């Protein structure tokens, strides 16, 4: 089974996502907001506290399902569609070359 994004990107279920080593992450506040700088493009990308948690969890390659499971343990009152929210966020990061998807991350 594969997940298809709005952009048509076909990502097989179970794909591992990993950080792009050319991305620098810096917290901006104690509430979890942060910024990422892609050193190759010079582009800055802001993330909210949940995005910061996902980035932290990507310290090692993980699947969408693993990330959603971990987030459920960290966040109160998670939405029922958390996995699809995580998938959408990862694909958005992937389109900006901030993360990579592959069989081994």
Protein backbone atom coordinates (compact mmCIF):
# COMPACT_ATOMS: atom_id res chain seq x y z
CA UNK A 1 0.00 0.00 0.00
CA UNK A 2 1.26 3.48 -0.82
CA UNK A 3 0.28 6.93 0.32
CA UNK A 4 -0.19 9.54 -2.39
CA UNK A 5 0.22 13.21 -1.56
CA UNK A 6 -1.62 16.10 -3.16
CA UNK A 7 1.48 16.67 -5.29
CA UNK A 8 1.23 13.10 -6.57
CA UNK A 9 4.32 11.89 -4.68
CA UNK A 10 3.98 8.15 -4.14
CA UNK A 11 5.42 7.11 -0.77
CA UNK A 12 5.15 3.42 0.16
CA UNK A 13 3.68 2.64 3.58
CA UNK A 14 6.46 1.80 6.06
CA UNK A 15 8.91 4.19 4.42
CA UNK A 16 11.47 5.54 6.88
CA UNK A 17 11.98 9.28 7.09
CA UNK A 18 15.25 10.87 8.17
CA UNK A 19 16.69 14.34 8.60
CA UNK A 20 18.67 15.95 5.82
CA UNK A 21 22.16 16.51 7.28
CA UNK A 22 22.28 19.89 5.49
CA UNK A 23 19.53 21.20 7.79
CA UNK A 24 20.27 23.07 11.01
CA UNK A 25 17.52 23.19 13.64
CA UNK A 26 17.29 25.89 16.31
CA UNK A 27 14.60 26.42 18.98
CA UNK A 28 13.24 29.95 19.10
CA UNK A 29 11.28 29.82 22.34
CA UNK A 30 10.59 27.67 25.36
CA UNK A 31 7.15 26.77 23.98
CA UNK A 32 8.74 24.68 21.21
CA UNK A 33 8.61 26.94 18.17
CA UNK A 34 11.75 26.59 16.08
CA UNK A 35 13.39 27.38 12.78
CA UNK A 36 15.23 25.17 10.33
CA UNK A 37 17.87 26.46 7.95
CA UNK A 38 18.71 24.46 4.84
CA UNK A 39 22.41 25.14 4.39
CA UNK A 40 22.30 24.20 0.72
CA UNK A 41 19.52 26.59 -0.27
CA UNK A 42 19.76 29.21 2.47
CA UNK A 43 16.00 28.91 3.05
CA UNK A 44 14.53 29.22 6.55
CA UNK A 45 11.49 27.21 7.60
CA UNK A 46 9.54 27.80 10.81
CA UNK A 47 7.90 24.97 12.75
CA UNK A 48 5.41 24.90 15.59
CA UNK A 49 5.90 22.88 18.82
CA UNK A 50 4.50 19.70 17.26
CA UNK A 51 6.82 20.08 14.28
CA UNK A 52 9.70 20.50 16.72
CA UNK A 53 8.72 17.27 18.47
CA UNK A 54 8.61 15.43 15.15
CA UNK A 55 12.06 16.79 14.24
CA UNK A 56 13.40 15.65 17.61
CA UNK A 57 11.94 12.17 17.07
CA UNK A 58 13.69 12.02 13.69
CA UNK A 59 17.03 11.75 15.49
CA UNK A 60 16.92 8.28 13.97
CA UNK A 61 14.96 7.21 10.86
CA UNK A 62 11.30 6.46 11.60
CA UNK A 63 8.11 5.63 9.78
CA UNK A 64 4.98 7.79 9.85
CA UNK A 65 3.31 5.18 12.05
CA UNK A 66 6.20 5.20 14.54
CA UNK A 67 6.18 8.99 14.72
CA UNK A 68 2.41 9.13 15.27
CA UNK A 69 2.67 6.47 17.99
CA UNK A 70 5.45 8.37 19.77
CA UNK A 71 3.55 11.68 19.51
CA UNK A 72 0.46 10.11 21.08
CA UNK A 73 2.60 9.41 24.13
CA UNK A 74 3.94 12.97 24.27
CA UNK A 75 0.89 15.10 23.47
CA UNK A 76 -2.45 15.29 25.27
CA UNK A 77 -5.67 15.10 23.28
CA UNK A 78 -4.20 14.07 19.94
CA UNK A 79 -6.60 14.08 16.99
CA UNK A 80 -7.88 10.79 15.56
CA UNK A 81 -6.22 11.59 12.22
CA UNK A 82 -2.78 12.20 13.78
CA UNK A 83 -1.05 9.78 11.42
CA UNK A 84 -2.34 11.60 8.34
CA UNK A 85 -1.28 14.92 9.88
CA UNK A 86 2.22 13.52 10.48
CA UNK A 87 2.31 12.15 6.93
CA UNK A 88 1.31 15.51 5.48
CA UNK A 89 3.94 17.32 7.56
CA UNK A 90 6.69 14.88 6.52
CA UNK A 91 5.78 15.18 2.87
CA UNK A 92 5.83 18.96 3.18
CA UNK A 93 9.32 18.75 4.70
CA UNK A 94 10.35 16.35 1.96
CA UNK A 95 9.20 18.73 -0.77
CA UNK A 96 11.54 21.32 0.78
CA UNK A 97 14.42 18.80 0.99
CA UNK A 98 14.47 19.02 4.79
CA UNK A 99 13.94 15.27 5.22
CA UNK A 100 14.48 12.24 3.02
CA UNK A 101 12.26 9.20 2.56
CA UNK A 102 13.62 5.78 1.76
CA UNK A 103 13.66 2.14 2.76
CA UNK A 104 16.32 2.92 5.38
CA UNK A 105 15.68 6.64 5.83
